[in-house]
Amino acid sequence: MSVVSLRRTDASVRKCLDFMDELFKRVRSDFCVRLWEGTEWVSSSGRPPRFTLVLKHPGALRRMLLPPNQLTLGEAYIHDDFDVEGDIEEAFVLGDVLLDLRLTPADKLRYGAFLLSLPDRERSVGGRGPARLRGRIHSPERDSEAVTYHYNVSNDFYRLWLDENMVYSCAYFQFPGEPLETAQEHKLDYLCRKLRLRPGERLLDIGCGWGGLILHAVRHYDVEALGITLSEPQAELANERIRKAGLSDRCRAEVLDYREVPEDRTFDKLVSVGMFEHVGESRLPDYFAKAFRLLRPGGLFLNHGIADTLAVPQLKGPSFIEKYVFPDGELLPLAATLMTAERCGFEARDVESLREHYAMTLRHWIRRLEKEKDKAIRLTNDLTYRVWRLYMGGSAHGFKVGRLNLYQTLLARPNKGRCELPLTRGDLYTEPESPKITNI
């Protein structure tokens, strides 16, 4: 440790410095800490810091670490007890260490006594509060509340940092430096090609967001497309964009729960991108059974969603994401998803992980959000800006270390054993004019 610009030598500053000397000695990351009165604690690596942890007041460490869990840390950040200057994703390396400390009972008593000795500052009330949902979990009414809590913040807020098509899901990069707009166009086309869309087919997009995918599918693959969402602002903007494109006769968005889609409206192809995380484990059989009934025999269903992983342990304790970002969201292991889909009659034909792609996508979003910080706060408030910056930084870290994964799973509803797919996946990469379909 080295101390730069020690402006005061009062006991509170010295105690915090001593505490950080001991607490951060296990952290292998290049960072520094700036105290509320200007003193800086710098890691001893000798390399330039990747980020600076800014403690805003003498009781900041108490707010951050008592009790030590991710929700406590997250709330301390969004309520401005501390800030992160620089690479917020890198700050989660420090967070992982703090949340995984192996302390002896004596250490716990000593650390607890120190934190309790710090002043406890009241927080101002206002801005984005935690989600408070009512009713039975994953009922249509409660799911609607959960979705609108996240997506009805402001269309203009999302427009600030998403790509031109407003695609709020993992992009598909051809190379690391590719622009976000291009990578999202690649992703939309990749989805359509995996579905082997053909002119005149009927496509249902479950969780269509602001309509980027259905617009792309109609423009480039000459299909008829219906998108459904639980967010009225999303559907309104999607239909406005559809009207401006002159595609209202073949494309529309509706505010509709997937469970309420009439089953006399069958489809040739189904797709769900970034909605699956809201379904919930208890509703998984209903989700896949409904999709199976809506899909014609021989049709394809592409399910694109974030998954929990068993290889890297999840963080213990109460969840910041659950309380402030995606209430009632549930991430499931890939095996559970595939097992349920097969029990409902689907055949898994292709599974692809895009984990690295999602980390790259999130880094684009973070940089774009940070660049538009002032506008984002004017459109919403400071707390909302902080929630999004924090959750996207943490998610990027989760994908980087393998705690999270993203899978595109192509499912088929066989028609008497036949599946309308080419013999190889070569068409996904060579972009043939019209891949030959083989009924095996």
Protein backbone atom coordinates (compact mmCIF):
# COMPACT_ATOMS: atom_id res chain seq x y z
CA MET A 1 0.00 0.00 0.00
CA SER A 2 1.06 3.59 -0.57
CA VAL A 3 -0.71 6.74 0.53
CA VAL A 4 -0.76 9.75 -1.75
CA SER A 5 -1.76 13.24 -0.66
CA LEU A 6 -2.60 12.50 2.95
CA ARG A 7 -4.32 15.75 3.87
CA ARG A 8 -5.47 14.80 7.32
CA THR A 9 -4.18 12.51 9.99
CA ASP A 10 -7.33 12.27 12.09
CA ALA A 11 -8.26 8.93 13.56
CA SER A 12 -11.11 8.12 11.14
CA VAL A 13 -8.86 8.45 8.09
CA ARG A 14 -6.02 6.47 9.64
CA LYS A 15 -8.38 3.70 10.80
CA CYS A 16 -9.87 3.37 7.29
CA LEU A 17 -6.41 3.20 5.73
CA ASP A 18 -5.29 0.50 8.17
CA PHE A 19 -8.51 -1.44 7.54
CA MET A 20 -8.02 -1.28 3.76
CA ASP A 21 -4.38 -2.36 4.11
CA GLU A 22 -5.58 -5.59 5.71
CA LEU A 23 -8.78 -6.10 3.73
CA PHE A 24 -7.40 -5.53 0.24
CA LYS A 25 -4.12 -7.40 0.58
CA ARG A 26 -5.72 -10.46 -1.06
CA VAL A 27 -6.98 -8.51 -4.09
CA ARG A 28 -5.01 -8.97 -7.30
CA SER A 29 -6.30 -5.96 -9.18
CA ASP A 30 -4.88 -2.57 -10.04
CA PHE A 31 -7.02 0.04 -8.32
CA CYS A 32 -6.92 2.84 -5.82
CA VAL A 33 -9.28 4.22 -3.19
CA ARG A 34 -9.93 7.92 -2.68
CA LEU A 35 -11.34 8.96 0.67
CA TRP A 36 -13.97 11.63 1.19
CA GLU A 37 -11.37 14.26 2.11
CA GLY A 38 -8.90 13.53 -0.70
CA THR A 39 -6.49 10.96 0.72
CA GLU A 40 -5.69 8.19 -1.74
CA TRP A 41 -4.87 4.57 -0.98
CA VAL A 42 -3.08 2.92 -3.92
CA SER A 43 -2.51 -0.79 -4.49
CA SER A 44 1.13 -1.83 -4.42
CA SER A 45 1.25 -3.46 -7.86
CA GLY A 46 3.01 -0.45 -9.37
CA ARG A 47 0.74 -0.49 -12.42
CA PRO A 48 -1.71 2.28 -13.30
CA PRO A 49 -5.10 1.75 -11.58
CA ARG A 50 -7.92 0.30 -13.71
CA PHE A 51 -10.47 2.04 -11.52
CA THR A 52 -10.76 4.26 -8.48
CA LEU A 53 -13.10 3.46 -5.61
CA VAL A 54 -14.36 6.77 -4.23
CA LEU A 55 -15.63 6.71 -0.64
CA LYS A 56 -18.06 9.60 -0.35
CA HIS A 57 -18.25 9.96 3.44
CA PRO A 58 -16.65 8.56 6.65
CA GLY A 59 -19.33 5.87 7.00
CA ALA A 60 -19.05 4.58 3.41
CA LEU A 61 -17.27 1.32 4.33
CA ARG A 62 -19.99 0.59 6.88
CA ARG A 63 -22.66 1.07 4.21
CA MET A 64 -20.72 -1.12 1.77
CA LEU A 65 -19.82 -4.06 3.98
CA LEU A 66 -22.35 -4.39 6.79
CA PRO A 67 -23.61 -7.02 6.23
CA PRO A 68 -21.17 -8.29 3.54
CA ASN A 69 -23.29 -9.35 0.55
CA GLN A 70 -23.91 -8.22 -3.03
CA LEU A 71 -27.14 -6.42 -2.16
CA THR A 72 -25.40 -4.32 0.49
CA LEU A 73 -22.62 -3.38 -1.94
CA GLY A 74 -25.08 -2.64 -4.72
CA GLU A 75 -27.29 -0.42 -2.59
CA ALA A 76 -24.26 1.47 -1.30
CA TYR A 77 -23.29 2.21 -4.91
CA ILE A 78 -26.69 3.28 -6.22
CA HIS A 79 -27.25 5.50 -3.15
CA ASP A 80 -23.88 7.19 -3.72
CA ASP A 81 -22.13 6.02 -0.58
CA PHE A 82 -19.29 5.23 -2.97
CA ASP A 83 -18.58 5.65 -6.66
CA VAL A 84 -16.43 3.88 -9.24
CA GLU A 85 -14.35 5.98 -11.61
CA GLY A 86 -12.91 4.12 -14.58
CA ASP A 87 -13.61 0.49 -15.55
CA ILE A 88 -16.66 -0.59 -13.54
CA GLU A 89 -16.41 -4.17 -14.83
CA GLU A 90 -12.93 -4.47 -13.32
CA ALA A 91 -14.33 -3.32 -9.96
CA PHE A 92 -16.28 -6.59 -9.75
CA VAL A 93 -12.99 -8.46 -9.36
CA LEU A 94 -12.67 -6.60 -6.06
CA GLY A 95 -16.32 -7.33 -5.27
CA ASP A 96 -15.82 -11.07 -5.75
CA VAL A 97 -12.91 -11.06 -3.32
CA LEU A 98 -14.82 -9.09 -0.69
CA LEU A 99 -17.81 -11.43 -0.93
CA ASP A 100 -15.67 -14.57 -0.72
CA LEU A 101 -13.45 -13.72 2.23
CA ARG A 102 -12.68 -16.66 4.51
CA LEU A 103 -12.65 -14.95 7.88
CA THR A 104 -11.98 -16.47 11.27
CA PRO A 105 -14.48 -15.77 14.07
CA ALA A 106 -11.93 -13.35 15.55
CA ASP A 107 -11.61 -11.52 12.22
CA LYS A 108 -15.39 -11.23 11.95
CA LEU A 109 -15.63 -9.71 15.43
CA ARG A 110 -12.78 -7.29 14.75
CA TYR A 111 -14.04 -6.20 11.34
CA GLY A 112 -17.60 -5.92 12.60
CA ALA A 113 -16.54 -3.77 15.54
CA PHE A 114 -14.61 -1.44 13.23
CA LEU A 115 -17.49 -1.05 10.78
CA LEU A 116 -19.99 -0.41 13.58
CA SER A 117 -17.70 2.30 14.92
CA LEU A 118 -18.13 4.28 11.68
CA PRO A 119 -20.91 6.87 11.41
CA ASP A 120 -24.19 5.71 9.85
CA ARG A 121 -25.54 8.30 7.41
CA GLU A 122 -29.20 8.34 6.42
CA ARG A 123 -30.01 7.99 2.74
CA SER A 124 -32.29 10.30 0.83
CA VAL A 125 -35.54 8.79 -0.47
CA GLY A 126 -36.35 9.20 -4.16
CA GLY A 127 -35.55 7.94 -7.61
CA ARG A 128 -35.94 4.30 -8.57
CA GLY A 129 -37.10 2.21 -5.64
CA PRO A 130 -36.84 -1.57 -5.32
CA ALA A 131 -39.43 -3.73 -7.05
CA ARG A 132 -42.52 -4.50 -4.98
CA LEU A 133 -44.53 -7.07 -6.85
CA ARG A 134 -47.90 -8.42 -5.79
CA GLY A 135 -49.70 -11.70 -6.35
CA ARG A 136 -48.64 -15.25 -7.12
CA ILE A 137 -45.15 -15.53 -8.55
CA HIS A 138 -45.11 -15.96 -12.35
CA SER A 139 -48.83 -15.40 -12.64
CA PRO A 140 -49.67 -13.33 -15.77
CA GLU A 141 -50.50 -10.30 -13.61
CA ARG A 142 -47.28 -10.44 -11.60
CA ASP A 143 -45.15 -11.18 -14.68
CA SER A 144 -46.61 -8.06 -16.26
CA GLU A 145 -45.56 -6.02 -13.22
CA ALA A 146 -42.06 -7.50 -13.29
CA VAL A 147 -41.56 -6.79 -17.00
CA THR A 148 -42.92 -3.25 -16.88
CA TYR A 149 -40.74 -2.48 -13.83
CA HIS A 150 -37.65 -3.00 -16.00
CA TYR A 151 -38.71 -2.09 -19.52
CA ASN A 152 -41.07 0.85 -18.93
CA VAL A 153 -38.33 3.14 -17.62
CA SER A 154 -38.30 5.26 -20.78
CA ASN A 155 -37.98 4.43 -24.47
CA ASP A 156 -35.73 7.48 -24.83
CA PHE A 157 -33.47 6.21 -22.03
CA TYR A 158 -32.86 2.94 -23.87
CA ARG A 159 -32.48 4.76 -27.17
CA LEU A 160 -29.48 6.65 -25.73
CA TRP A 161 -27.24 3.63 -25.52
CA LEU A 162 -28.72 0.81 -27.60
CA ASP A 163 -28.01 0.44 -31.32
CA GLU A 164 -30.15 2.04 -34.00
CA ASN A 165 -32.50 -1.00 -34.06
CA MET A 166 -32.84 -0.86 -30.25
CA VAL A 167 -31.88 -4.51 -29.82
CA TYR A 168 -31.63 -5.21 -26.08
CA SER A 169 -29.93 -8.61 -26.25
CA CYS A 170 -26.56 -10.18 -27.05
CA ALA A 171 -24.98 -9.07 -30.34
CA TYR A 172 -23.03 -11.38 -32.66
CA PHE A 173 -19.50 -10.13 -33.40
CA GLN A 174 -17.38 -11.19 -36.36
CA PHE A 175 -14.26 -9.69 -34.72
CA PRO A 176 -13.56 -7.85 -31.41
CA GLY A 177 -13.49 -4.31 -32.77
CA GLU A 178 -16.70 -4.55 -34.78
CA PRO A 179 -19.19 -1.68 -34.18
CA LEU A 180 -22.24 -2.54 -32.08
CA GLU A 181 -24.68 -1.59 -34.86
CA THR A 182 -23.04 -4.03 -37.26
CA ALA A 183 -22.85 -6.81 -34.68
CA GLN A 184 -26.55 -6.43 -33.86
CA GLU A 185 -27.43 -6.61 -37.55
CA HIS A 186 -25.36 -9.80 -37.72
CA LYS A 187 -27.29 -11.19 -34.75
CA LEU A 188 -30.72 -10.43 -36.24
CA ASP A 189 -29.73 -12.09 -39.50
CA TYR A 190 -28.11 -15.02 -37.70
CA LEU A 191 -31.38 -15.71 -35.88
CA CYS A 192 -33.33 -15.63 -39.15
CA ARG A 193 -30.84 -17.94 -40.84
CA LYS A 194 -30.88 -20.42 -37.97
CA LEU A 195 -34.66 -20.52 -38.33
CA ARG A 196 -34.22 -21.02 -42.10
CA LEU A 197 -36.95 -18.45 -42.72
CA ARG A 198 -38.59 -18.63 -46.14
CA PRO A 199 -40.95 -16.20 -47.93
CA GLY A 200 -44.54 -16.35 -46.77
CA GLU A 201 -43.84 -18.15 -43.47
CA ARG A 202 -45.54 -17.02 -40.27
CA LEU A 203 -43.13 -15.99 -37.48
CA LEU A 204 -43.97 -15.38 -33.82
CA ASP A 205 -41.47 -13.41 -31.71
CA ILE A 206 -42.13 -14.04 -28.00
CA GLY A 207 -40.83 -10.96 -26.20
CA CYS A 208 -40.29 -8.76 -29.23
CA GLY A 209 -39.00 -5.66 -27.43
CA TRP A 210 -39.01 -2.63 -29.72
CA GLY A 211 -39.54 -4.75 -32.83
CA GLY A 212 -36.03 -4.98 -34.25
CA LEU A 213 -36.16 -8.69 -35.10
CA ILE A 214 -39.64 -8.80 -36.66
CA LEU A 215 -38.80 -5.76 -38.79
CA HIS A 216 -35.59 -7.42 -39.99
CA ALA A 217 -37.34 -10.72 -40.72
CA VAL A 218 -40.08 -9.07 -42.79
CA ARG A 219 -37.70 -6.77 -44.69
CA HIS A 220 -35.09 -9.38 -45.55
CA TYR A 221 -36.93 -12.72 -45.51
CA ASP A 222 -40.41 -11.74 -46.73
CA VAL A 223 -42.28 -13.39 -43.85
CA GLU A 224 -45.37 -12.40 -41.89
CA ALA A 225 -44.39 -11.57 -38.33
CA LEU A 226 -46.16 -11.06 -35.02
CA GLY A 227 -44.28 -9.80 -31.98
CA ILE A 228 -45.66 -9.94 -28.45
CA THR A 229 -44.51 -8.08 -25.35
CA LEU A 230 -45.90 -7.16 -21.93
CA SER A 231 -44.63 -3.58 -22.22
CA GLU A 232 -47.05 -1.09 -23.76
CA PRO A 233 -44.33 1.52 -24.50
CA GLN A 234 -42.32 -1.14 -26.33
CA ALA A 235 -45.31 -2.22 -28.44
CA GLU A 236 -46.23 1.40 -29.23
CA LEU A 237 -42.74 2.22 -30.46
CA ALA A 238 -42.44 -1.07 -32.35
CA ASN A 239 -45.70 -0.40 -34.22
CA GLU A 240 -44.65 3.19 -34.92
CA ARG A 241 -41.44 1.92 -36.50
CA ILE A 242 -43.41 -0.71 -38.46
CA ARG A 243 -45.76 1.97 -39.82
CA LYS A 244 -42.86 4.20 -40.85
CA ALA A 245 -41.33 1.25 -42.69
CA GLY A 246 -44.60 0.64 -44.54
CA LEU A 247 -44.85 -2.93 -43.26
CA SER A 248 -48.06 -2.83 -41.20
CA ASP A 249 -49.78 -5.29 -43.54
CA ARG A 250 -47.25 -8.03 -42.69
CA CYS A 251 -45.85 -7.08 -39.29
CA ARG A 252 -47.23 -5.93 -35.94
CA ALA A 253 -46.55 -5.94 -32.20
CA GLU A 254 -49.18 -6.74 -29.57
CA VAL A 255 -49.27 -6.41 -25.78
CA LEU A 256 -49.92 -10.05 -25.02
CA ASP A 257 -48.72 -12.74 -22.61
CA TYR A 258 -47.37 -15.83 -24.38
CA ARG A 259 -49.88 -17.93 -22.42
CA GLU A 260 -52.74 -15.98 -23.97
CA VAL A 261 -51.84 -16.39 -27.65
CA PRO A 262 -54.85 -18.13 -29.27
CA GLU A 263 -53.89 -21.61 -30.38
CA ASP A 264 -55.78 -21.32 -33.65
CA ARG A 265 -52.97 -18.95 -34.69
CA THR A 266 -50.29 -21.48 -35.57
CA PHE A 267 -46.86 -20.44 -36.82
CA ASP A 268 -44.15 -21.89 -39.04
CA LYS A 269 -41.34 -20.54 -36.86
CA LEU A 270 -41.06 -19.27 -33.29
CA VAL A 271 -38.29 -17.21 -31.73
CA SER A 272 -37.71 -15.91 -28.21
CA VAL A 273 -34.76 -13.60 -27.54
CA GLY A 274 -33.98 -12.37 -24.02
CA MET A 275 -37.45 -13.21 -22.68
CA PHE A 276 -36.76 -16.72 -21.41
CA GLU A 277 -35.11 -15.40 -18.22
CA HIS A 278 -38.54 -14.10 -17.10
CA VAL A 279 -40.39 -17.41 -17.45
CA GLY A 280 -39.37 -19.07 -14.17
CA GLU A 281 -38.54 -22.70 -13.43
CA SER A 282 -42.07 -23.52 -12.24
CA ARG A 283 -43.52 -22.27 -15.55
CA LEU A 284 -40.98 -23.91 -17.83
CA PRO A 285 -43.26 -26.84 -18.79
CA ASP A 286 -46.09 -24.40 -19.59
CA TYR A 287 -43.75 -22.27 -21.71
CA PHE A 288 -42.45 -25.10 -23.88
CA ALA A 289 -45.82 -26.85 -24.09
CA LYS A 290 -47.45 -23.63 -25.29
CA ALA A 291 -44.69 -23.08 -27.85
CA PHE A 292 -45.10 -26.66 -29.06
CA ARG A 293 -48.83 -26.21 -29.60
CA LEU A 294 -48.35 -22.90 -31.44
CA LEU A 295 -45.78 -24.38 -33.82
CA ARG A 296 -46.84 -26.41 -36.86
CA PRO A 297 -45.39 -29.93 -37.23
CA GLY A 298 -41.98 -29.61 -38.88
CA GLY A 299 -41.51 -26.06 -37.56
CA LEU A 300 -38.54 -24.62 -35.67
CA PHE A 301 -38.27 -22.71 -32.38
CA LEU A 302 -35.13 -20.72 -31.55
CA ASN A 303 -34.83 -20.01 -27.83
CA HIS A 304 -32.13 -17.45 -26.92
CA GLY A 305 -31.55 -16.86 -23.21
CA ILE A 306 -29.09 -16.36 -20.36
CA ALA A 307 -28.31 -19.47 -18.32
CA ASP A 308 -26.95 -20.24 -14.90
CA THR A 309 -23.76 -22.31 -14.91
CA LEU A 310 -22.80 -25.12 -12.58
CA ALA A 311 -19.06 -24.85 -13.18
CA VAL A 312 -18.67 -21.43 -11.51
CA PRO A 313 -20.48 -20.98 -8.17
CA GLN A 314 -23.08 -18.24 -7.93
CA LEU A 315 -22.73 -15.47 -5.36
CA LYS A 316 -24.45 -16.22 -2.08
CA GLY A 317 -26.84 -13.95 -0.23
CA PRO A 318 -29.64 -11.61 -1.31
CA SER A 319 -29.57 -10.53 -4.95
CA PHE A 320 -29.23 -6.94 -6.15
CA ILE A 321 -30.47 -7.95 -9.62
CA GLU A 322 -33.61 -9.50 -8.16
CA LYS A 323 -34.46 -6.41 -6.12
CA TYR A 324 -33.58 -3.57 -8.51
CA VAL A 325 -33.25 -4.93 -12.05
CA PHE A 326 -35.11 -8.12 -13.00
CA PRO A 327 -37.56 -9.02 -10.23
CA ASP A 328 -38.68 -12.67 -10.37
CA GLY A 329 -36.06 -13.37 -13.04
CA GLU A 330 -34.66 -16.90 -12.89
CA LEU A 331 -31.57 -18.24 -14.62
CA LEU A 332 -31.54 -22.00 -15.12
CA PRO A 333 -28.83 -24.47 -16.20
CA LEU A 334 -28.93 -25.47 -19.85
CA ALA A 335 -29.61 -29.10 -18.91
CA ALA A 336 -32.86 -28.16 -17.17
CA THR A 337 -34.01 -26.20 -20.21
CA LEU A 338 -33.28 -29.00 -22.66
CA MET A 339 -34.86 -31.66 -20.46
CA THR A 340 -38.11 -29.72 -20.15
CA ALA A 341 -38.21 -28.88 -23.87
CA GLU A 342 -37.76 -32.54 -24.82
CA ARG A 343 -40.42 -33.66 -22.37
CA CYS A 344 -42.81 -31.29 -24.16
CA GLY A 345 -42.09 -32.95 -27.50
CA PHE A 346 -39.28 -30.82 -28.92
CA GLU A 347 -36.08 -32.20 -30.42
CA ALA A 348 -32.89 -30.22 -29.74
CA ARG A 349 -31.09 -29.72 -33.05
CA ASP A 350 -28.46 -27.11 -32.28
CA VAL A 351 -27.02 -25.43 -29.17
CA GLU A 352 -24.51 -22.57 -29.32
CA SER A 353 -22.93 -20.55 -26.54
CA LEU A 354 -22.41 -16.84 -27.17
CA ARG A 355 -20.93 -16.07 -23.75
CA GLU A 356 -18.02 -13.96 -24.99
CA HIS A 357 -20.33 -12.08 -27.35
CA TYR A 358 -22.55 -10.97 -24.46
CA ALA A 359 -19.59 -9.66 -22.47
CA MET A 360 -18.56 -7.61 -25.51
CA THR A 361 -22.12 -6.36 -26.03
CA LEU A 362 -22.40 -5.21 -22.43
CA ARG A 363 -19.10 -3.32 -22.65
CA HIS A 364 -20.47 -1.40 -25.64
CA TRP A 365 -23.65 -0.58 -23.70
CA ILE A 366 -21.71 0.57 -20.63
CA ARG A 367 -19.45 2.90 -22.63
CA ARG A 368 -22.43 4.34 -24.50
CA LEU A 369 -24.43 4.83 -21.28
CA GLU A 370 -21.48 6.49 -19.54
CA LYS A 371 -21.01 8.80 -22.52
CA GLU A 372 -24.67 9.86 -22.24
CA LYS A 373 -24.69 10.05 -18.43
CA ASP A 374 -26.12 13.57 -18.17
CA LYS A 375 -28.91 12.88 -20.66
CA ALA A 376 -29.71 9.56 -18.99
CA ILE A 377 -30.07 11.25 -15.60
CA ARG A 378 -32.27 13.99 -17.06
CA LEU A 379 -34.55 11.39 -18.64
CA THR A 380 -34.75 9.30 -15.46
CA ASN A 381 -32.70 10.10 -12.34
CA ASP A 382 -29.25 9.48 -10.91
CA LEU A 383 -30.29 6.30 -9.13
CA THR A 384 -31.65 4.71 -12.32
CA TYR A 385 -28.43 5.56 -14.18
CA ARG A 386 -26.43 3.93 -11.39
CA VAL A 387 -28.61 0.80 -11.35
CA TRP A 388 -28.06 0.21 -15.06
CA ARG A 389 -24.34 0.97 -14.98
CA LEU A 390 -23.87 -1.39 -12.05
CA TYR A 391 -25.98 -4.28 -13.35
CA MET A 392 -24.40 -4.17 -16.81
CA GLY A 393 -20.88 -3.99 -15.36
CA GLY A 394 -21.61 -6.95 -13.09
CA SER A 395 -23.17 -8.91 -15.94
CA ALA A 396 -20.15 -8.30 -18.19
CA HIS A 397 -17.93 -9.62 -15.39
CA GLY A 398 -20.23 -12.62 -14.92
CA PHE A 399 -19.99 -13.57 -18.59
CA LYS A 400 -16.23 -13.00 -18.59
CA VAL A 401 -15.53 -15.36 -15.67
CA GLY A 402 -18.13 -17.94 -16.76
CA ARG A 403 -20.64 -17.38 -13.97
CA LEU A 404 -23.21 -16.60 -16.69
CA ASN A 405 -23.69 -18.04 -20.14
CA LEU A 406 -25.88 -17.28 -23.16
CA TYR A 407 -27.29 -20.09 -25.26
CA GLN A 408 -29.11 -20.14 -28.56
CA THR A 409 -31.02 -23.42 -28.68
CA LEU A 410 -32.68 -24.49 -31.91
CA LEU A 411 -35.62 -26.80 -31.25
CA ALA A 412 -37.71 -28.68 -33.80
CA ARG A 413 -41.22 -30.08 -33.68
CA PRO A 414 -40.66 -33.21 -35.78
CA ASN A 415 -43.28 -34.14 -38.34
CA LYS A 416 -43.54 -37.95 -38.10
CA GLY A 417 -39.81 -38.03 -37.43
CA ARG A 418 -38.91 -35.62 -40.22
CA CYS A 419 -37.08 -32.39 -39.47
CA GLU A 420 -36.86 -29.57 -42.04
CA LEU A 421 -33.17 -28.78 -41.71
CA PRO A 422 -30.11 -29.07 -43.98
CA LEU A 423 -27.74 -31.95 -43.30
CA THR A 424 -25.00 -29.56 -42.14
CA ARG A 425 -24.70 -26.14 -40.52
CA GLY A 426 -22.69 -24.83 -43.47
CA ASP A 427 -25.48 -22.53 -44.67
CA LEU A 428 -25.16 -20.48 -41.49
CA TYR A 429 -21.68 -19.39 -42.51
CA THR A 430 -21.58 -19.50 -46.31
CA GLU A 431 -24.87 -17.60 -46.76
CA PRO A 432 -26.24 -19.61 -49.70
CA GLU A 433 -29.13 -18.10 -51.63
CA SER A 434 -31.53 -20.84 -50.56
CA PRO A 435 -30.35 -23.78 -48.42
CA LYS A 436 -31.79 -27.11 -49.49
CA ILE A 437 -34.09 -28.63 -46.90
CA THR A 438 -33.74 -32.34 -46.37
CA ASN A 439 -36.50 -34.37 -44.69
CA ILE A 440 -34.73 -37.17 -42.90
